[in-house]
Amino acid sequence: MPSGTENLNSLIAGCRALAQGLEVESGQGAAWKAKAQGLLKTLEGMQGKFFFKTIPSVPPTKATLAALAECQGLKEKGQWKDFPTALVNFEKSVADLAYKATMPGTQLT
């Protein structure tokens, strides 16, 4: 089973790949790319956090990977009609992961 750190590294690589080429899509492509690049910065900012060295990081990173995979699948198939919804879901998943990475209510002793 991949660790939280390995999953985070996969998320960063996948988000970087997702952002590449979105600007060529007519219409909202540039906005989608900007959003993906913003999510990439958020993910990169989480590197080194203690949370990702713990077992509780695995489920939320796996959920975020699933949301990313949905975006990547739609991009590869060119199903742009469903892409905005998937990107919003990925954004929510990244936000949830960023919140959990702060380990609210946890005191390390």
Protein backbone atom coordinates (compact mmCIF):
# COMPACT_ATOMS: atom_id res chain seq x y z
CA MET A 1 0.00 0.00 0.00
CA PRO A 2 1.47 3.38 -0.97
CA SER A 3 2.16 5.80 1.86
CA GLY A 4 0.62 9.23 2.16
CA THR A 5 3.89 10.77 0.98
CA GLU A 6 3.95 8.54 -2.11
CA ASN A 7 0.32 9.40 -2.83
CA LEU A 8 1.07 13.13 -2.46
CA ASN A 9 3.97 12.80 -4.91
CA SER A 10 1.63 11.02 -7.35
CA LEU A 11 -0.92 13.81 -6.92
CA ILE A 12 1.69 16.45 -7.70
CA ALA A 13 2.89 14.64 -10.81
CA GLY A 14 -0.68 13.95 -11.95
CA CYS A 15 -1.83 17.52 -11.40
CA ARG A 16 1.18 18.80 -13.34
CA ALA A 17 0.24 16.48 -16.22
CA LEU A 18 -3.40 17.52 -16.00
CA ALA A 19 -2.52 21.20 -16.39
CA GLN A 20 -0.43 20.57 -19.50
CA GLY A 21 -2.38 21.13 -22.68
CA LEU A 22 -5.59 22.44 -21.11
CA GLU A 23 -5.05 25.89 -22.58
CA VAL A 24 -5.48 24.56 -26.12
CA GLU A 25 -9.06 23.53 -25.36
CA SER A 26 -11.35 26.22 -26.68
CA GLY A 27 -13.56 28.14 -24.34
CA GLN A 28 -12.56 27.62 -20.74
CA GLY A 29 -9.22 25.91 -21.32
CA ALA A 30 -7.12 28.79 -19.99
CA ALA A 31 -9.27 29.08 -16.85
CA TRP A 32 -9.07 25.32 -16.28
CA LYS A 33 -5.31 25.42 -16.65
CA ALA A 34 -5.05 28.29 -14.16
CA LYS A 35 -7.20 26.38 -11.67
CA ALA A 36 -5.11 23.21 -12.11
CA GLN A 37 -1.91 25.21 -11.62
CA GLY A 38 -3.36 26.72 -8.43
CA LEU A 39 -4.20 23.25 -7.15
CA LEU A 40 -0.67 22.15 -8.03
CA LYS A 41 0.76 24.97 -5.89
CA THR A 42 -1.48 23.91 -3.01
CA LEU A 43 -0.32 20.30 -3.31
CA GLU A 44 3.34 21.31 -3.55
CA GLY A 45 2.88 23.43 -0.42
CA MET A 46 1.89 20.32 1.51
CA GLN A 47 5.20 18.56 0.91
CA GLY A 48 7.11 17.84 4.08
CA LYS A 49 4.08 18.00 6.37
CA PHE A 50 4.14 15.41 9.13
CA PHE A 51 0.57 14.35 8.31
CA PHE A 52 1.72 12.55 5.17
CA LYS A 53 4.02 10.33 7.22
CA THR A 54 1.03 8.99 9.15
CA ILE A 55 -1.49 6.28 8.32
CA PRO A 56 -4.49 8.69 8.51
CA SER A 57 -3.14 10.46 5.41
CA VAL A 58 -3.72 7.45 3.17
CA PRO A 59 -7.55 7.57 2.79
CA PRO A 60 -7.78 11.30 1.93
CA THR A 61 -4.84 11.10 -0.48
CA LYS A 62 -6.45 8.09 -2.18
CA ALA A 63 -9.75 9.98 -2.46
CA THR A 64 -7.93 12.94 -4.00
CA LEU A 65 -6.14 10.62 -6.41
CA ALA A 66 -9.53 9.24 -7.48
CA ALA A 67 -10.84 12.76 -8.15
CA LEU A 68 -7.69 13.53 -10.15
CA ALA A 69 -8.07 10.29 -12.14
CA GLU A 70 -11.61 11.33 -13.09
CA CYS A 71 -10.29 14.65 -14.45
CA GLN A 72 -7.48 12.93 -16.32
CA GLY A 73 -9.86 10.40 -17.85
CA LEU A 74 -12.21 13.10 -19.10
CA LYS A 75 -9.30 15.10 -20.50
CA GLU A 76 -7.92 12.05 -22.35
CA LYS A 77 -11.34 11.26 -23.82
CA GLY A 78 -12.03 14.88 -24.69
CA GLN A 79 -15.28 14.86 -22.71
CA TRP A 80 -15.15 18.56 -21.95
CA LYS A 81 -18.85 18.80 -21.05
CA ASP A 82 -18.25 16.86 -17.80
CA PHE A 83 -14.79 18.27 -17.10
CA PRO A 84 -15.84 21.39 -15.10
CA THR A 85 -17.77 19.28 -12.57
CA ALA A 86 -14.87 16.86 -12.19
CA LEU A 87 -12.43 19.75 -11.74
CA VAL A 88 -14.63 21.25 -9.00
CA ASN A 89 -14.73 17.85 -7.27
CA PHE A 90 -10.93 17.62 -7.49
CA GLU A 91 -10.64 21.15 -6.09
CA LYS A 92 -12.88 20.23 -3.13
CA SER A 93 -10.84 17.08 -2.52
CA VAL A 94 -7.58 19.06 -2.52
CA ALA A 95 -9.10 21.58 -0.09
CA ASP A 96 -10.22 18.75 2.20
CA LEU A 97 -6.75 17.21 2.04
CA ALA A 98 -5.11 20.57 2.83
CA TYR A 99 -7.38 20.95 5.86
CA LYS A 100 -6.64 17.45 7.13
CA ALA A 101 -2.91 18.03 6.61
CA THR A 102 -3.09 20.74 9.30
CA MET A 103 -4.07 17.94 11.70
CA PRO A 104 -6.69 20.00 13.54
CA GLY A 105 -7.17 19.01 17.15
CA THR A 106 -4.00 16.89 17.21
CA GLN A 107 -1.24 17.55 19.68
CA LEU A 108 2.10 15.89 19.17
CA THR A 109 3.84 15.04 22.38
